[in-house]
Amino acid sequence: MSEEDIRRYTLAELRKMVEAGETHTDWERLRNMTEEELERSIADDPDWCDLIVDWENATWMSPEKEAVMLSLDREVIDWFRQQGGDFRDRITEMLREHVRARRKDAA
């Protein structure tokens, strides 16, 4: 069994927590970080370390998402997890690319 403690908050709840100083983020330390310290921190974070940004081909993506229950084959989930980072984002990106390709084919 996992020792994770996952909690969900609305944006309004998070704003109230920040105003009341109830977050675990050291905002003062973050504000005082140099660009180099920030980049090193990102590189050391396992959720971000494999991120490669291709700014020339970047496109705006709406941050709006909808939570859905989706059953996937264990083999598929295991493969994406083995790639490291956030496997859910990679699955979403592959599905997005599939949709874009289908739209181009239909045009």
N, C-alpha and C. Protein backbone atom coordinates (compact mmCIF):
# COMPACT_ATOMS: atom_id res chain seq x y z
N MET A 1 0.84 -1.18 0.00
CA MET A 1 0.00 0.00 0.00
C MET A 1 0.88 1.25 0.00
N SER A 2 0.46 2.26 -0.70
CA SER A 2 1.22 3.50 -0.84
C SER A 2 1.10 4.36 0.41
N GLU A 3 2.16 5.11 0.68
CA GLU A 3 2.17 6.05 1.79
C GLU A 3 1.76 7.45 1.34
N GLU A 4 1.33 7.59 0.09
CA GLU A 4 0.99 8.91 -0.45
C GLU A 4 -0.20 9.52 0.29
N ASP A 5 -0.18 10.84 0.38
CA ASP A 5 -1.26 11.59 0.99
C ASP A 5 -1.72 12.60 -0.04
N ILE A 6 -2.67 12.22 -0.87
CA ILE A 6 -3.12 13.07 -1.96
C ILE A 6 -4.39 13.80 -1.53
N ARG A 7 -4.36 15.12 -1.65
CA ARG A 7 -5.51 15.94 -1.29
C ARG A 7 -5.89 16.82 -2.47
N ARG A 8 -7.14 17.11 -2.59
CA ARG A 8 -7.62 17.96 -3.68
C ARG A 8 -8.25 19.22 -3.09
N TYR A 9 -7.97 20.37 -3.74
CA TYR A 9 -8.51 21.64 -3.30
C TYR A 9 -9.03 22.41 -4.51
N THR A 10 -10.03 23.22 -4.29
CA THR A 10 -10.49 24.12 -5.35
C THR A 10 -9.55 25.31 -5.38
N LEU A 11 -9.62 26.07 -6.47
CA LEU A 11 -8.80 27.27 -6.57
C LEU A 11 -9.14 28.25 -5.44
N ALA A 12 -10.40 28.39 -5.14
CA ALA A 12 -10.82 29.29 -4.06
C ALA A 12 -10.24 28.84 -2.72
N GLU A 13 -10.25 27.54 -2.47
CA GLU A 13 -9.68 27.02 -1.22
C GLU A 13 -8.18 27.29 -1.16
N LEU A 14 -7.48 27.08 -2.27
CA LEU A 14 -6.04 27.34 -2.30
C LEU A 14 -5.72 28.81 -2.06
N ARG A 15 -6.50 29.68 -2.68
CA ARG A 15 -6.27 31.12 -2.47
C ARG A 15 -6.45 31.50 -1.00
N LYS A 16 -7.48 30.94 -0.35
CA LYS A 16 -7.70 31.21 1.07
C LYS A 16 -6.53 30.69 1.91
N MET A 17 -6.02 29.52 1.56
CA MET A 17 -4.90 28.95 2.29
C MET A 17 -3.66 29.82 2.16
N VAL A 18 -3.41 30.31 0.94
CA VAL A 18 -2.24 31.18 0.72
C VAL A 18 -2.39 32.47 1.53
N GLU A 19 -3.57 33.08 1.46
CA GLU A 19 -3.82 34.31 2.21
C GLU A 19 -3.64 34.10 3.71
N ALA A 20 -4.01 32.93 4.20
CA ALA A 20 -3.91 32.65 5.64
C ALA A 20 -2.54 32.10 6.02
N GLY A 21 -1.66 31.92 5.01
CA GLY A 21 -0.32 31.38 5.30
C GLY A 21 -0.34 29.91 5.65
N GLU A 22 -1.32 29.17 5.13
CA GLU A 22 -1.49 27.76 5.48
C GLU A 22 -0.89 26.79 4.47
N THR A 23 0.01 27.25 3.61
CA THR A 23 0.61 26.34 2.65
C THR A 23 1.96 25.87 3.17
N HIS A 24 2.46 24.80 2.60
CA HIS A 24 3.77 24.27 2.98
C HIS A 24 4.87 24.80 2.07
N THR A 25 4.52 25.63 1.13
CA THR A 25 5.51 26.22 0.22
C THR A 25 6.24 27.35 0.92
N ASP A 26 7.54 27.34 0.79
CA ASP A 26 8.37 28.41 1.35
C ASP A 26 8.44 29.52 0.30
N TRP A 27 7.41 30.38 0.29
CA TRP A 27 7.30 31.40 -0.75
C TRP A 27 8.47 32.38 -0.71
N GLU A 28 8.96 32.71 0.46
CA GLU A 28 10.08 33.65 0.58
C GLU A 28 11.33 33.06 -0.08
N ARG A 29 11.60 31.80 0.21
CA ARG A 29 12.76 31.13 -0.41
C ARG A 29 12.60 31.09 -1.93
N LEU A 30 11.39 30.79 -2.39
CA LEU A 30 11.13 30.72 -3.82
C LEU A 30 11.33 32.08 -4.49
N ARG A 31 10.83 33.13 -3.87
CA ARG A 31 11.00 34.49 -4.43
C ARG A 31 12.47 34.90 -4.51
N ASN A 32 13.28 34.40 -3.58
CA ASN A 32 14.69 34.78 -3.53
C ASN A 32 15.62 33.87 -4.34
N MET A 33 15.06 32.86 -4.99
CA MET A 33 15.89 31.95 -5.79
C MET A 33 16.41 32.65 -7.03
N THR A 34 17.67 32.36 -7.36
CA THR A 34 18.21 32.87 -8.62
C THR A 34 17.69 32.00 -9.75
N GLU A 35 17.85 32.46 -10.97
CA GLU A 35 17.43 31.67 -12.13
C GLU A 35 18.16 30.33 -12.17
N GLU A 36 19.45 30.35 -11.84
CA GLU A 36 20.25 29.12 -11.84
C GLU A 36 19.75 28.13 -10.78
N GLU A 37 19.42 28.65 -9.59
CA GLU A 37 18.90 27.78 -8.52
C GLU A 37 17.56 27.18 -8.93
N LEU A 38 16.73 27.98 -9.55
CA LEU A 38 15.43 27.50 -10.01
C LEU A 38 15.60 26.40 -11.06
N GLU A 39 16.47 26.62 -12.04
CA GLU A 39 16.71 25.61 -13.07
C GLU A 39 17.28 24.33 -12.47
N ARG A 40 18.19 24.45 -11.51
CA ARG A 40 18.77 23.28 -10.87
C ARG A 40 17.69 22.52 -10.09
N SER A 41 16.82 23.27 -9.41
CA SER A 41 15.73 22.66 -8.66
C SER A 41 14.80 21.88 -9.59
N ILE A 42 14.50 22.46 -10.73
CA ILE A 42 13.64 21.78 -11.71
C ILE A 42 14.33 20.53 -12.23
N ALA A 43 15.62 20.64 -12.55
CA ALA A 43 16.37 19.49 -13.07
C ALA A 43 16.44 18.36 -12.05
N ASP A 44 16.43 18.69 -10.77
CA ASP A 44 16.51 17.68 -9.71
C ASP A 44 15.15 17.07 -9.38
N ASP A 45 14.07 17.66 -9.87
CA ASP A 45 12.72 17.18 -9.58
C ASP A 45 12.38 16.04 -10.54
N PRO A 46 12.09 14.84 -10.03
CA PRO A 46 11.81 13.71 -10.92
C PRO A 46 10.59 13.91 -11.81
N ASP A 47 9.68 14.80 -11.44
CA ASP A 47 8.51 15.04 -12.28
C ASP A 47 8.82 15.96 -13.45
N TRP A 48 9.96 16.67 -13.40
CA TRP A 48 10.29 17.64 -14.43
C TRP A 48 11.62 17.37 -15.12
N CYS A 49 12.44 16.48 -14.56
CA CYS A 49 13.81 16.32 -15.04
C CYS A 49 13.90 15.91 -16.51
N ASP A 50 12.93 15.18 -17.02
CA ASP A 50 12.97 14.72 -18.41
C ASP A 50 12.28 15.68 -19.38
N LEU A 51 11.82 16.81 -18.87
CA LEU A 51 11.10 17.75 -19.71
C LEU A 51 12.04 18.43 -20.70
N ILE A 52 11.71 18.34 -21.96
CA ILE A 52 12.45 19.02 -23.01
C ILE A 52 11.46 19.97 -23.68
N VAL A 53 11.74 21.25 -23.64
CA VAL A 53 10.83 22.24 -24.20
C VAL A 53 11.31 22.63 -25.59
N ASP A 54 10.45 22.46 -26.56
CA ASP A 54 10.74 22.86 -27.93
C ASP A 54 9.92 24.12 -28.22
N TRP A 55 10.48 25.28 -27.84
CA TRP A 55 9.75 26.53 -27.93
C TRP A 55 9.37 26.88 -29.36
N GLU A 56 10.16 26.48 -30.34
CA GLU A 56 9.86 26.82 -31.74
C GLU A 56 8.57 26.15 -32.22
N ASN A 57 8.26 24.98 -31.68
CA ASN A 57 7.06 24.26 -32.09
C ASN A 57 5.98 24.24 -31.02
N ALA A 58 6.17 25.04 -29.97
CA ALA A 58 5.20 25.07 -28.88
C ALA A 58 3.90 25.74 -29.34
N THR A 59 2.80 25.25 -28.82
CA THR A 59 1.50 25.84 -29.11
C THR A 59 0.77 26.05 -27.79
N TRP A 60 -0.13 27.01 -27.78
CA TRP A 60 -0.93 27.28 -26.59
C TRP A 60 -1.91 26.14 -26.37
N MET A 61 -1.97 25.67 -25.16
CA MET A 61 -2.92 24.63 -24.81
C MET A 61 -3.82 25.14 -23.70
N SER A 62 -5.08 24.93 -23.85
CA SER A 62 -6.02 25.34 -22.81
C SER A 62 -5.78 24.52 -21.55
N PRO A 63 -5.72 25.17 -20.40
CA PRO A 63 -5.52 24.42 -19.16
C PRO A 63 -6.76 23.67 -18.69
N GLU A 64 -7.84 23.82 -19.43
CA GLU A 64 -9.07 23.17 -19.02
C GLU A 64 -9.00 21.67 -19.27
N LYS A 65 -9.28 20.92 -18.25
CA LYS A 65 -9.29 19.46 -18.35
C LYS A 65 -10.56 18.96 -17.69
N GLU A 66 -10.94 17.77 -18.06
CA GLU A 66 -12.08 17.13 -17.43
C GLU A 66 -11.64 15.78 -16.90
N ALA A 67 -11.91 15.52 -15.66
CA ALA A 67 -11.55 14.24 -15.07
C ALA A 67 -12.53 13.18 -15.55
N VAL A 68 -11.98 12.08 -16.06
CA VAL A 68 -12.81 10.97 -16.50
C VAL A 68 -12.20 9.67 -15.96
N MET A 69 -13.03 8.68 -15.81
CA MET A 69 -12.56 7.36 -15.41
C MET A 69 -12.29 6.61 -16.71
N LEU A 70 -11.08 6.12 -16.87
CA LEU A 70 -10.69 5.46 -18.11
C LEU A 70 -9.95 4.18 -17.76
N SER A 71 -10.39 3.06 -18.28
CA SER A 71 -9.71 1.79 -18.04
C SER A 71 -8.75 1.52 -19.20
N LEU A 72 -7.49 1.29 -18.85
CA LEU A 72 -6.48 0.98 -19.85
C LEU A 72 -5.85 -0.37 -19.52
N ASP A 73 -5.34 -1.03 -20.53
CA ASP A 73 -4.64 -2.29 -20.31
C ASP A 73 -3.43 -2.06 -19.42
N ARG A 74 -3.17 -2.99 -18.52
CA ARG A 74 -2.03 -2.89 -17.61
C ARG A 74 -0.73 -2.73 -18.39
N GLU A 75 -0.61 -3.44 -19.51
CA GLU A 75 0.60 -3.35 -20.34
C GLU A 75 0.84 -1.92 -20.82
N VAL A 76 -0.21 -1.22 -21.21
CA VAL A 76 -0.10 0.16 -21.68
C VAL A 76 0.32 1.07 -20.54
N ILE A 77 -0.34 0.96 -19.41
CA ILE A 77 -0.01 1.79 -18.25
C ILE A 77 1.44 1.53 -17.82
N ASP A 78 1.84 0.27 -17.74
CA ASP A 78 3.21 -0.05 -17.32
C ASP A 78 4.24 0.56 -18.26
N TRP A 79 3.97 0.50 -19.57
CA TRP A 79 4.92 1.06 -20.53
C TRP A 79 5.08 2.56 -20.33
N PHE A 80 3.97 3.26 -20.18
CA PHE A 80 4.05 4.72 -19.97
C PHE A 80 4.73 5.05 -18.65
N ARG A 81 4.46 4.30 -17.61
CA ARG A 81 5.12 4.54 -16.31
C ARG A 81 6.62 4.34 -16.41
N GLN A 82 7.04 3.34 -17.17
CA GLN A 82 8.47 3.06 -17.31
C GLN A 82 9.22 4.19 -18.01
N GLN A 83 8.51 5.03 -18.72
CA GLN A 83 9.16 6.14 -19.42
C GLN A 83 9.55 7.26 -18.46
N GLY A 84 9.06 7.22 -17.21
CA GLY A 84 9.38 8.23 -16.22
C GLY A 84 8.46 9.43 -16.33
N GLY A 85 8.56 10.32 -15.36
CA GLY A 85 7.74 11.53 -15.37
C GLY A 85 6.26 11.22 -15.17
N ASP A 86 5.41 12.13 -15.60
CA ASP A 86 3.97 11.98 -15.43
C ASP A 86 3.39 11.23 -16.62
N PHE A 87 3.11 9.95 -16.43
CA PHE A 87 2.62 9.12 -17.52
C PHE A 87 1.26 9.58 -18.02
N ARG A 88 0.45 10.19 -17.17
CA ARG A 88 -0.88 10.64 -17.59
C ARG A 88 -0.77 11.75 -18.64
N ASP A 89 0.18 12.66 -18.43
CA ASP A 89 0.38 13.74 -19.40
C ASP A 89 0.83 13.19 -20.75
N ARG A 90 1.70 12.17 -20.73
CA ARG A 90 2.17 11.60 -22.00
C ARG A 90 1.05 10.86 -22.72
N ILE A 91 0.21 10.17 -21.98
CA ILE A 91 -0.94 9.50 -22.61
C ILE A 91 -1.85 10.54 -23.23
N THR A 92 -2.12 11.62 -22.51
CA THR A 92 -2.96 12.69 -23.04
C THR A 92 -2.35 13.27 -24.31
N GLU A 93 -1.04 13.53 -24.30
CA GLU A 93 -0.38 14.10 -25.48
C GLU A 93 -0.47 13.15 -26.68
N MET A 94 -0.29 11.87 -26.46
CA MET A 94 -0.39 10.91 -27.57
C MET A 94 -1.82 10.88 -28.13
N LEU A 95 -2.80 10.92 -27.25
CA LEU A 95 -4.18 10.95 -27.72
C LEU A 95 -4.47 12.24 -28.48
N ARG A 96 -3.93 13.36 -27.99
CA ARG A 96 -4.11 14.64 -28.66
C ARG A 96 -3.51 14.60 -30.07
N GLU A 97 -2.30 14.05 -30.18
CA GLU A 97 -1.65 13.93 -31.49
C GLU A 97 -2.46 13.04 -32.43
N HIS A 98 -3.04 11.98 -31.89
CA HIS A 98 -3.88 11.08 -32.70
C HIS A 98 -5.09 11.84 -33.24
N VAL A 99 -5.73 12.62 -32.38
CA VAL A 99 -6.89 13.42 -32.80
C VAL A 99 -6.48 14.42 -33.87
N ARG A 100 -5.36 15.11 -33.68
CA ARG A 100 -4.89 16.08 -34.68
C ARG A 100 -4.65 15.40 -36.03
N ALA A 101 -4.02 14.23 -36.00
CA ALA A 101 -3.75 13.51 -37.25
C ALA A 101 -5.05 13.11 -37.94
N ARG A 102 -6.03 12.64 -37.16
CA ARG A 102 -7.32 12.25 -37.73
C ARG A 102 -8.04 13.45 -38.34
N ARG A 103 -7.93 14.61 -37.67
CA ARG A 103 -8.58 15.80 -38.19
C ARG A 103 -7.93 16.21 -39.53
N LYS A 104 -6.61 16.10 -39.62
CA LYS A 104 -5.91 16.44 -40.87
C LYS A 104 -6.33 15.47 -41.97
N ASP A 105 -6.44 14.18 -41.64
CA ASP A 105 -6.84 13.18 -42.63
C ASP A 105 -8.25 13.44 -43.14
N ALA A 106 -9.12 13.93 -42.24
CA ALA A 106 -10.52 14.16 -42.61
C ALA A 106 -10.69 15.44 -43.42
N ALA A 107 -9.72 16.34 -43.33
CA ALA A 107 -9.85 17.64 -44.01
C ALA A 107 -9.58 17.53 -45.50
